[in-house]
Amino acid sequence: LKNNALTWIPKEINNLRALKRLDLENNFLDSLPGDMGDMNSLEELKLKGNPMRDMPEEAISKGTRAILAFLRDLRKGAERCFRMKLMLVGKEASGKTTLSQLLQFGKKQDKPPLSTDGIDVKEWSVPLDNIQDLRQREQDLLKDNWRNIPLTIRIWDFAGQEVYYSTHEFFISKKGIYIVVWDV
């Protein structure tokens, strides 16, 4: 099924119980049916060249067994995660730590902060019921948040000194929000 411009796979593919190899490379698939998780005979599943928005890269990179395990877990149900990673990057003394403190405490601190060494990670808990002017999608999120779990944001304050730049790449990921801070 390689190179066929496929946009979806029917859940009935699960009926092919003896299927050993499935090459779905270079299509337009962004998800797979959860029933594929039961394809225990499947030894090789090729997905390269597909957008796969609904599957984490970690599962894809670990291969067929991890993909099938992810699909089985997905079928069991999902739980919303109210955590985010916010990374503050910029040159030394540009205001990253001040911004971090402003977000956490809602006001500027009386004393100027000391220069950050390495990375300073802080937690900022935001009650979702206190957020105003949300668009419809965020309103739907609030309705689903029946336990009123606060949004926990981990603020990663990266040191701005040049000596630390080479270590930053080990902590940078696609799953986060980046704010580039500079002093104008």
N, C-alpha and C. Protein backbone atom coordinates (compact mmCIF):
# COMPACT_ATOMS: atom_id res chain seq x y z
N LEU A 1 0.83 -1.20 0.00
CA LEU A 1 0.00 0.00 0.00
C LEU A 1 0.87 1.26 0.00
N LYS A 2 2.13 1.07 -0.25
CA LYS A 2 3.10 2.17 -0.30
C LYS A 2 2.80 3.09 -1.49
N ASN A 3 2.98 4.40 -1.28
CA ASN A 3 2.85 5.40 -2.36
C ASN A 3 1.48 5.39 -3.04
N ASN A 4 0.41 5.34 -2.28
CA ASN A 4 -0.93 5.30 -2.85
C ASN A 4 -1.80 6.49 -2.50
N ALA A 5 -1.25 7.51 -1.87
CA ALA A 5 -2.01 8.71 -1.48
C ALA A 5 -3.18 8.36 -0.55
N LEU A 6 -3.00 7.33 0.28
CA LEU A 6 -4.05 6.95 1.22
C LEU A 6 -4.20 8.01 2.31
N THR A 7 -5.44 8.31 2.67
CA THR A 7 -5.69 9.28 3.74
C THR A 7 -6.23 8.62 5.00
N TRP A 8 -6.65 7.37 4.91
CA TRP A 8 -7.14 6.63 6.08
C TRP A 8 -7.05 5.14 5.83
N ILE A 9 -7.03 4.40 6.92
CA ILE A 9 -7.01 2.93 6.87
C ILE A 9 -8.28 2.46 7.57
N PRO A 10 -9.07 1.58 6.93
CA PRO A 10 -10.30 1.12 7.58
C PRO A 10 -9.99 0.23 8.79
N LYS A 11 -10.84 0.30 9.78
CA LYS A 11 -10.63 -0.50 11.00
C LYS A 11 -10.69 -1.99 10.70
N GLU A 12 -11.30 -2.36 9.59
CA GLU A 12 -11.41 -3.78 9.22
C GLU A 12 -10.06 -4.39 8.87
N ILE A 13 -9.03 -3.58 8.75
CA ILE A 13 -7.70 -4.13 8.49
C ILE A 13 -7.31 -5.11 9.60
N ASN A 14 -7.91 -4.93 10.75
CA ASN A 14 -7.68 -5.81 11.89
C ASN A 14 -8.08 -7.26 11.57
N ASN A 15 -8.94 -7.47 10.58
CA ASN A 15 -9.37 -8.82 10.20
C ASN A 15 -8.26 -9.62 9.53
N LEU A 16 -7.21 -8.95 9.11
CA LEU A 16 -6.08 -9.64 8.48
C LEU A 16 -5.14 -10.14 9.57
N ARG A 17 -5.59 -11.11 10.32
CA ARG A 17 -4.90 -11.61 11.52
C ARG A 17 -3.51 -12.18 11.24
N ALA A 18 -3.29 -12.75 10.06
CA ALA A 18 -2.02 -13.40 9.75
C ALA A 18 -1.02 -12.45 9.06
N LEU A 19 -1.42 -11.20 8.87
CA LEU A 19 -0.56 -10.24 8.18
C LEU A 19 0.73 -10.03 8.95
N LYS A 20 1.86 -10.19 8.27
CA LYS A 20 3.19 -10.06 8.92
C LYS A 20 3.83 -8.70 8.65
N ARG A 21 3.67 -8.20 7.43
CA ARG A 21 4.31 -6.93 7.05
C ARG A 21 3.28 -6.02 6.37
N LEU A 22 3.36 -4.74 6.74
CA LEU A 22 2.45 -3.75 6.15
C LEU A 22 3.26 -2.50 5.87
N ASP A 23 3.41 -2.17 4.58
CA ASP A 23 4.18 -1.00 4.18
C ASP A 23 3.20 0.10 3.78
N LEU A 24 3.10 1.11 4.63
CA LEU A 24 2.20 2.25 4.39
C LEU A 24 2.99 3.53 4.11
N GLU A 25 4.25 3.39 3.73
CA GLU A 25 5.12 4.55 3.52
C GLU A 25 4.59 5.47 2.42
N ASN A 26 4.88 6.77 2.61
CA ASN A 26 4.61 7.81 1.61
C ASN A 26 3.14 7.89 1.19
N ASN A 27 2.27 7.96 2.18
CA ASN A 27 0.85 8.22 1.97
C ASN A 27 0.51 9.52 2.68
N PHE A 28 -0.75 9.75 2.96
CA PHE A 28 -1.17 10.96 3.67
C PHE A 28 -1.89 10.60 4.96
N LEU A 29 -1.44 9.57 5.63
CA LEU A 29 -2.07 9.09 6.86
C LEU A 29 -1.67 9.97 8.03
N ASP A 30 -2.66 10.41 8.80
CA ASP A 30 -2.33 11.15 10.03
C ASP A 30 -2.71 10.36 11.27
N SER A 31 -3.35 9.20 11.08
CA SER A 31 -3.69 8.34 12.21
C SER A 31 -3.93 6.92 11.70
N LEU A 32 -3.98 6.01 12.65
CA LEU A 32 -4.28 4.61 12.35
C LEU A 32 -5.43 4.18 13.25
N PRO A 33 -6.26 3.22 12.81
CA PRO A 33 -7.36 2.77 13.67
C PRO A 33 -6.82 2.05 14.91
N GLY A 34 -7.44 2.29 16.05
CA GLY A 34 -7.03 1.66 17.30
C GLY A 34 -7.09 0.15 17.24
N ASP A 35 -7.99 -0.41 16.41
CA ASP A 35 -8.12 -1.86 16.30
C ASP A 35 -6.85 -2.51 15.77
N MET A 36 -6.01 -1.75 15.10
CA MET A 36 -4.75 -2.31 14.60
C MET A 36 -3.86 -2.77 15.75
N GLY A 37 -4.08 -2.26 16.93
CA GLY A 37 -3.30 -2.68 18.09
C GLY A 37 -3.41 -4.16 18.39
N ASP A 38 -4.48 -4.81 17.90
CA ASP A 38 -4.69 -6.24 18.13
C ASP A 38 -4.05 -7.12 17.07
N MET A 39 -3.33 -6.52 16.13
CA MET A 39 -2.70 -7.29 15.06
C MET A 39 -1.39 -7.89 15.57
N ASN A 40 -1.49 -8.92 16.40
CA ASN A 40 -0.33 -9.50 17.07
C ASN A 40 0.65 -10.18 16.13
N SER A 41 0.23 -10.58 14.96
CA SER A 41 1.13 -11.22 13.99
C SER A 41 1.97 -10.22 13.23
N LEU A 42 1.58 -8.96 13.26
CA LEU A 42 2.27 -7.93 12.50
C LEU A 42 3.68 -7.74 13.07
N GLU A 43 4.68 -8.01 12.24
CA GLU A 43 6.08 -7.90 12.67
C GLU A 43 6.74 -6.61 12.18
N GLU A 44 6.24 -6.10 11.05
CA GLU A 44 6.85 -4.90 10.48
C GLU A 44 5.76 -3.97 9.95
N LEU A 45 5.77 -2.75 10.45
CA LEU A 45 4.83 -1.71 10.01
C LEU A 45 5.66 -0.50 9.62
N LYS A 46 5.62 -0.14 8.35
CA LYS A 46 6.39 1.00 7.86
C LYS A 46 5.47 2.19 7.68
N LEU A 47 5.81 3.32 8.32
CA LEU A 47 4.98 4.52 8.28
C LEU A 47 5.71 5.76 7.75
N LYS A 48 6.97 5.62 7.39
CA LYS A 48 7.78 6.76 6.95
C LYS A 48 7.08 7.54 5.83
N GLY A 49 7.14 8.86 5.91
CA GLY A 49 6.56 9.69 4.86
C GLY A 49 5.08 9.99 5.04
N ASN A 50 4.55 9.80 6.25
CA ASN A 50 3.16 10.12 6.58
C ASN A 50 3.15 11.20 7.66
N PRO A 51 2.17 12.11 7.66
CA PRO A 51 2.15 13.16 8.68
C PRO A 51 1.93 12.65 10.11
N MET A 52 1.20 11.58 10.31
CA MET A 52 0.96 10.92 11.60
C MET A 52 0.85 11.91 12.76
N ARG A 53 -0.07 12.84 12.67
CA ARG A 53 -0.27 13.85 13.72
C ARG A 53 -0.81 13.27 15.02
N ASP A 54 -1.52 12.16 14.93
CA ASP A 54 -2.16 11.60 16.12
C ASP A 54 -1.33 10.54 16.83
N MET A 55 -0.07 10.39 16.43
CA MET A 55 0.77 9.38 17.07
C MET A 55 2.10 10.03 17.45
N PRO A 56 2.54 9.83 18.68
CA PRO A 56 3.80 10.45 19.10
C PRO A 56 5.01 9.87 18.36
N GLU A 57 5.96 10.73 18.09
CA GLU A 57 7.18 10.31 17.41
C GLU A 57 7.90 9.21 18.18
N GLU A 58 7.78 9.23 19.51
CA GLU A 58 8.45 8.23 20.34
C GLU A 58 7.96 6.83 19.99
N ALA A 59 6.67 6.67 19.77
CA ALA A 59 6.12 5.36 19.42
C ALA A 59 6.61 4.94 18.03
N ILE A 60 6.58 5.86 17.09
CA ILE A 60 6.99 5.54 15.72
C ILE A 60 8.47 5.15 15.68
N SER A 61 9.29 5.90 16.39
CA SER A 61 10.74 5.64 16.36
C SER A 61 11.12 4.31 17.00
N LYS A 62 10.29 3.81 17.92
CA LYS A 62 10.60 2.53 18.59
C LYS A 62 10.12 1.32 17.79
N GLY A 63 9.36 1.54 16.73
CA GLY A 63 9.01 0.44 15.84
C GLY A 63 7.63 -0.14 16.05
N THR A 64 7.40 -1.24 15.37
CA THR A 64 6.09 -1.87 15.27
C THR A 64 5.47 -2.20 16.62
N ARG A 65 6.21 -2.85 17.50
CA ARG A 65 5.66 -3.24 18.82
C ARG A 65 5.17 -2.02 19.59
N ALA A 66 5.95 -0.94 19.57
CA ALA A 66 5.58 0.27 20.30
C ALA A 66 4.35 0.94 19.67
N ILE A 67 4.27 0.91 18.35
CA ILE A 67 3.11 1.50 17.66
C ILE A 67 1.84 0.72 18.03
N LEU A 68 1.93 -0.60 18.00
CA LEU A 68 0.77 -1.42 18.34
C LEU A 68 0.37 -1.22 19.80
N ALA A 69 1.34 -1.11 20.68
CA ALA A 69 1.05 -0.86 22.10
C ALA A 69 0.37 0.49 22.27
N PHE A 70 0.84 1.51 21.54
CA PHE A 70 0.22 2.83 21.60
C PHE A 70 -1.24 2.76 21.14
N LEU A 71 -1.50 2.04 20.05
CA LEU A 71 -2.87 1.92 19.53
C LEU A 71 -3.78 1.19 20.51
N ARG A 72 -3.24 0.16 21.17
CA ARG A 72 -4.05 -0.55 22.19
C ARG A 72 -4.38 0.39 23.35
N ASP A 73 -3.37 1.15 23.82
CA ASP A 73 -3.60 2.08 24.92
C ASP A 73 -4.59 3.18 24.53
N LEU A 74 -4.48 3.64 23.30
CA LEU A 74 -5.38 4.69 22.82
C LEU A 74 -6.82 4.21 22.82
N ARG A 75 -7.02 2.96 22.44
CA ARG A 75 -8.37 2.40 22.41
C ARG A 75 -8.97 2.28 23.81
N LYS A 76 -8.11 2.08 24.81
CA LYS A 76 -8.59 1.97 26.20
C LYS A 76 -9.17 3.28 26.69
N GLY A 77 -8.70 4.36 26.13
CA GLY A 77 -9.19 5.67 26.55
C GLY A 77 -8.03 6.61 26.82
N ALA A 78 -8.34 7.84 26.79
CA ALA A 78 -7.31 8.86 26.99
C ALA A 78 -7.73 9.76 28.14
N GLU A 79 -6.76 10.35 28.76
CA GLU A 79 -7.03 11.31 29.82
C GLU A 79 -6.30 12.60 29.47
N ARG A 80 -6.99 13.70 29.64
CA ARG A 80 -6.37 14.98 29.33
C ARG A 80 -5.20 15.26 30.26
N CYS A 81 -4.19 15.83 29.68
CA CYS A 81 -2.99 16.19 30.44
C CYS A 81 -2.99 17.72 30.57
N PHE A 82 -3.02 18.19 31.78
CA PHE A 82 -3.07 19.63 32.02
C PHE A 82 -1.68 20.13 32.44
N ARG A 83 -0.66 19.74 31.66
CA ARG A 83 0.71 20.18 31.91
C ARG A 83 1.31 20.70 30.62
N MET A 84 2.17 21.70 30.75
CA MET A 84 2.84 22.26 29.60
C MET A 84 4.28 22.58 29.97
N LYS A 85 5.10 22.71 28.96
CA LYS A 85 6.49 23.08 29.13
C LYS A 85 6.69 24.43 28.43
N LEU A 86 7.10 25.43 29.20
CA LEU A 86 7.35 26.77 28.68
C LEU A 86 8.83 27.06 28.83
N MET A 87 9.51 27.34 27.73
CA MET A 87 10.95 27.57 27.78
C MET A 87 11.27 29.01 27.44
N LEU A 88 12.01 29.65 28.34
CA LEU A 88 12.43 31.04 28.15
C LEU A 88 13.88 31.03 27.72
N VAL A 89 14.13 31.54 26.52
CA VAL A 89 15.50 31.58 25.99
C VAL A 89 15.84 33.00 25.58
N GLY A 90 17.12 33.32 25.62
CA GLY A 90 17.60 34.64 25.22
C GLY A 90 18.97 34.91 25.81
N LYS A 91 19.49 36.06 25.48
CA LYS A 91 20.81 36.46 25.96
C LYS A 91 20.79 36.73 27.46
N GLU A 92 21.97 36.81 28.02
CA GLU A 92 22.15 37.10 29.45
C GLU A 92 21.55 38.46 29.79
N ALA A 93 20.89 38.54 30.93
CA ALA A 93 20.31 39.78 31.48
C ALA A 93 19.25 40.40 30.57
N SER A 94 18.53 39.55 29.83
CA SER A 94 17.48 40.07 28.94
C SER A 94 16.11 40.11 29.61
N GLY A 95 15.97 39.49 30.80
CA GLY A 95 14.70 39.55 31.52
C GLY A 95 13.97 38.22 31.61
N LYS A 96 14.62 37.11 31.30
CA LYS A 96 13.96 35.80 31.34
C LYS A 96 13.50 35.46 32.76
N THR A 97 14.37 35.63 33.74
CA THR A 97 14.02 35.30 35.12
C THR A 97 12.95 36.25 35.65
N THR A 98 13.03 37.52 35.28
CA THR A 98 12.00 38.48 35.69
C THR A 98 10.65 38.09 35.11
N LEU A 99 10.62 37.67 33.84
CA LEU A 99 9.38 37.23 33.22
C LEU A 99 8.84 35.98 33.93
N SER A 100 9.72 35.05 34.25
CA SER A 100 9.33 33.84 34.96
C SER A 100 8.67 34.19 36.30
N GLN A 101 9.28 35.09 37.04
CA GLN A 101 8.73 35.50 38.34
C GLN A 101 7.41 36.24 38.17
N LEU A 102 7.31 37.06 37.14
CA LEU A 102 6.07 37.79 36.87
C LEU A 102 4.93 36.81 36.58
N LEU A 103 5.22 35.78 35.80
CA LEU A 103 4.20 34.78 35.50
C LEU A 103 3.78 34.02 36.75
N GLN A 104 4.74 33.64 37.57
CA GLN A 104 4.46 32.84 38.77
C GLN A 104 3.71 33.62 39.84
N PHE A 105 4.14 34.86 40.08
CA PHE A 105 3.61 35.61 41.22
C PHE A 105 2.66 36.74 40.83
N GLY A 106 2.53 37.02 39.53
CA GLY A 106 1.60 38.05 39.07
C GLY A 106 2.09 39.47 39.25
N LYS A 107 3.31 39.63 39.70
CA LYS A 107 3.87 40.97 39.85
C LYS A 107 5.39 40.88 39.80
N LYS A 108 6.00 42.02 39.50
CA LYS A 108 7.45 42.09 39.47
C LYS A 108 7.98 42.06 40.91
N GLN A 109 9.05 41.33 41.12
CA GLN A 109 9.64 41.22 42.44
C GLN A 109 10.40 42.49 42.80
N ASP A 110 10.48 42.79 44.09
CA ASP A 110 11.15 44.01 44.55
C ASP A 110 12.64 44.01 44.25
N LYS A 111 13.27 42.85 44.46
CA LYS A 111 14.70 42.70 44.27
C LYS A 111 14.98 42.17 42.87
N PRO A 112 15.95 42.74 42.14
CA PRO A 112 16.28 42.15 40.84
C PRO A 112 16.84 40.74 41.03
N PRO A 113 16.47 39.81 40.15
CA PRO A 113 16.92 38.43 40.31
C PRO A 113 18.41 38.28 40.02
N LEU A 114 18.99 37.24 40.62
CA LEU A 114 20.38 36.90 40.33
C LEU A 114 20.45 36.24 38.97
N SER A 115 21.61 36.25 38.36
CA SER A 115 21.81 35.61 37.07
C SER A 115 21.61 34.10 37.20
N THR A 116 20.92 33.50 36.24
CA THR A 116 20.63 32.07 36.27
C THR A 116 21.86 31.27 35.87
N ASP A 117 22.14 30.21 36.64
CA ASP A 117 23.21 29.27 36.29
C ASP A 117 22.56 28.02 35.73
N GLY A 118 22.90 27.64 34.51
CA GLY A 118 22.34 26.43 33.90
C GLY A 118 20.90 26.63 33.49
N ILE A 119 20.00 25.88 34.13
CA ILE A 119 18.57 25.98 33.86
C ILE A 119 17.84 26.00 35.19
N ASP A 120 16.92 26.91 35.32
CA ASP A 120 16.10 27.00 36.52
C ASP A 120 14.68 26.58 36.13
N VAL A 121 14.17 25.51 36.74
CA VAL A 121 12.84 25.00 36.41
C VAL A 121 11.90 25.29 37.58
N LYS A 122 10.82 26.00 37.28
CA LYS A 122 9.82 26.35 38.29
C LYS A 122 8.45 25.90 37.81
N GLU A 123 7.55 25.67 38.75
CA GLU A 123 6.17 25.31 38.39
C GLU A 123 5.25 26.50 38.61
N TRP A 124 4.36 26.68 37.65
CA TRP A 124 3.38 27.76 37.71
C TRP A 124 2.02 27.09 37.55
N SER A 125 1.19 27.17 38.55
CA SER A 125 -0.13 26.54 38.53
C SER A 125 -1.18 27.59 38.20
N VAL A 126 -1.91 27.36 37.12
CA VAL A 126 -2.91 28.32 36.65
C VAL A 126 -4.29 27.67 36.74
N PRO A 127 -5.16 28.13 37.67
CA PRO A 127 -6.53 27.57 37.71
C PRO A 127 -7.27 27.93 36.43
N LEU A 128 -7.77 26.93 35.72
CA LEU A 128 -8.42 27.18 34.44
C LEU A 128 -9.71 27.98 34.58
N ASP A 129 -10.35 27.92 35.74
CA ASP A 129 -11.60 28.67 35.88
C ASP A 129 -11.35 30.17 36.04
N ASN A 130 -10.09 30.57 36.23
CA ASN A 130 -9.77 32.00 36.36
C ASN A 130 -9.38 32.65 35.04
N ILE A 131 -9.25 31.85 33.99
CA ILE A 131 -8.83 32.40 32.70
C ILE A 131 -10.05 33.01 32.00
N GLN A 132 -9.92 34.25 31.57
CA GLN A 132 -11.02 34.96 30.91
C GLN A 132 -10.83 34.98 29.39
N ASP A 133 -11.89 35.34 28.67
CA ASP A 133 -11.87 35.54 27.21
C ASP A 133 -11.35 34.35 26.43
N LEU A 134 -11.84 33.17 26.74
CA LEU A 134 -11.41 31.97 26.03
C LEU A 134 -12.25 31.79 24.78
N ARG A 135 -11.61 31.33 23.72
CA ARG A 135 -12.35 30.99 22.52
C ARG A 135 -13.14 29.71 22.74
N GLN A 136 -13.99 29.32 21.80
CA GLN A 136 -14.88 28.17 21.97
C GLN A 136 -14.11 26.89 22.28
N ARG A 137 -13.00 26.66 21.62
CA ARG A 137 -12.25 25.43 21.87
C ARG A 137 -11.78 25.35 23.31
N GLU A 138 -11.31 26.44 23.85
CA GLU A 138 -10.89 26.45 25.24
C GLU A 138 -12.09 26.30 26.17
N GLN A 139 -13.25 26.81 25.78
CA GLN A 139 -14.46 26.62 26.58
C GLN A 139 -14.80 25.14 26.66
N ASP A 140 -14.63 24.42 25.55
CA ASP A 140 -14.88 22.98 25.54
C ASP A 140 -13.91 22.28 26.48
N LEU A 141 -12.67 22.74 26.52
CA LEU A 141 -11.69 22.17 27.42
C LEU A 141 -12.12 22.34 28.87
N LEU A 142 -12.63 23.52 29.19
CA LEU A 142 -13.07 23.77 30.55
C LEU A 142 -14.25 22.86 30.92
N LYS A 143 -15.16 22.63 29.98
CA LYS A 143 -16.30 21.75 30.24
C LYS A 143 -15.82 20.33 30.55
N ASP A 144 -14.78 19.89 29.82
CA ASP A 144 -14.24 18.55 30.04
C ASP A 144 -13.44 18.46 31.33
N ASN A 145 -13.02 19.58 31.86
CA ASN A 145 -12.21 19.61 33.08
C ASN A 145 -13.12 19.63 34.29
N TRP A 146 -13.89 18.59 34.47
CA TRP A 146 -14.90 18.55 35.53
C TRP A 146 -14.28 18.50 36.92
N ARG A 147 -13.04 18.06 37.01
CA ARG A 147 -12.39 18.03 38.32
C ARG A 147 -11.69 19.36 38.63
N ASN A 148 -11.77 20.31 37.70
CA ASN A 148 -11.17 21.62 37.85
C ASN A 148 -9.68 21.53 38.17
N ILE A 149 -8.98 20.71 37.41
CA ILE A 149 -7.54 20.55 37.57
C ILE A 149 -6.86 21.80 37.04
N PRO A 150 -5.95 22.40 37.81
CA PRO A 150 -5.25 23.58 37.29
C PRO A 150 -4.26 23.18 36.20
N LEU A 151 -4.01 24.10 35.32
CA LEU A 151 -3.01 23.91 34.29
C LEU A 151 -1.65 24.14 34.94
N THR A 152 -0.78 23.13 34.90
CA THR A 152 0.55 23.26 35.49
C THR A 152 1.54 23.51 34.37
N ILE A 153 2.19 24.64 34.45
CA ILE A 153 3.19 25.01 33.45
C ILE A 153 4.55 24.96 34.11
N ARG A 154 5.43 24.17 33.53
CA ARG A 154 6.82 24.13 34.00
C ARG A 154 7.59 25.16 33.20
N ILE A 155 8.10 26.15 33.91
CA ILE A 155 8.85 27.23 33.26
C ILE A 155 10.34 26.86 33.31
N TRP A 156 10.93 26.71 32.14
CA TRP A 156 12.35 26.42 32.03
C TRP A 156 13.06 27.72 31.69
N ASP A 157 13.79 28.26 32.65
CA ASP A 157 14.52 29.51 32.49
C ASP A 157 15.97 29.16 32.14
N PHE A 158 16.31 29.26 30.86
CA PHE A 158 17.65 28.90 30.40
C PHE A 158 18.62 30.05 30.64
N ALA A 159 19.79 29.72 31.19
CA ALA A 159 20.82 30.73 31.42
C ALA A 159 21.22 31.34 30.08
N GLY A 160 21.46 32.63 30.09
CA GLY A 160 21.78 33.33 28.85
C GLY A 160 23.25 33.48 28.56
N GLN A 161 24.11 33.04 29.47
CA GLN A 161 25.55 33.17 29.24
C GLN A 161 25.98 32.19 28.13
N GLU A 162 26.89 32.64 27.29
CA GLU A 162 27.32 31.85 26.15
C GLU A 162 27.87 30.48 26.54
N VAL A 163 28.48 30.38 27.70
CA VAL A 163 29.09 29.13 28.13
C VAL A 163 28.04 28.01 28.26
N TYR A 164 26.76 28.35 28.45
CA TYR A 164 25.70 27.35 28.62
C TYR A 164 25.00 26.96 27.31
N TYR A 165 25.25 27.69 26.24
CA TYR A 165 24.51 27.45 25.00
C TYR A 165 24.63 26.00 24.52
N SER A 166 25.78 25.39 24.65
CA SER A 166 25.97 24.03 24.14
C SER A 166 25.15 23.01 24.93
N THR A 167 24.80 23.30 26.16
CA THR A 167 24.00 22.35 26.96
C THR A 167 22.50 22.50 26.70
N HIS A 168 22.07 23.64 26.21
CA HIS A 168 20.64 23.88 25.99
C HIS A 168 20.01 22.87 25.04
N GLU A 169 20.75 22.46 24.02
CA GLU A 169 20.18 21.56 23.01
C GLU A 169 19.71 20.23 23.59
N PHE A 170 20.24 19.82 24.73
CA PHE A 170 19.83 18.56 25.34
C PHE A 170 18.44 18.65 25.97
N PHE A 171 17.94 19.84 26.21
CA PHE A 171 16.66 20.02 26.89
C PHE A 171 15.56 20.55 25.96
N ILE A 172 15.94 20.92 24.77
CA ILE A 172 14.97 21.49 23.83
C ILE A 172 14.19 20.37 23.17
N SER A 173 12.87 20.53 23.09
CA SER A 173 12.03 19.52 22.47
C SER A 173 10.94 20.21 21.64
N LYS A 174 10.28 19.44 20.80
CA LYS A 174 9.18 19.97 19.99
C LYS A 174 7.94 20.20 20.83
N LYS A 175 7.84 19.49 21.93
CA LYS A 175 6.64 19.57 22.76
C LYS A 175 6.80 20.62 23.83
N GLY A 176 6.75 21.86 23.43
CA GLY A 176 6.87 22.95 24.37
C GLY A 176 6.58 24.27 23.70
N ILE A 177 6.43 25.28 24.53
CA ILE A 177 6.23 26.64 24.02
C ILE A 177 7.51 27.40 24.31
N TYR A 178 8.00 28.11 23.32
CA TYR A 178 9.23 28.87 23.47
C TYR A 178 8.93 30.36 23.46
N ILE A 179 9.53 31.06 24.39
CA ILE A 179 9.48 32.52 24.37
C ILE A 179 10.91 33.00 24.29
N VAL A 180 11.21 33.73 23.23
CA VAL A 180 12.53 34.32 23.07
C VAL A 180 12.45 35.71 23.68
N VAL A 181 13.31 35.95 24.68
CA VAL A 181 13.29 37.21 25.43
C VAL A 181 14.55 37.99 25.06
N TRP A 182 14.37 39.28 24.78
CA TRP A 182 15.53 40.13 24.55
C TRP A 182 15.27 41.50 25.10
N ASP A 183 16.34 42.18 25.41
CA ASP A 183 16.28 43.52 25.99
C ASP A 183 16.40 44.53 24.86
N VAL A 184 15.38 45.35 24.67
CA VAL A 184 15.41 46.33 23.57
C VAL A 184 15.79 47.71 24.02
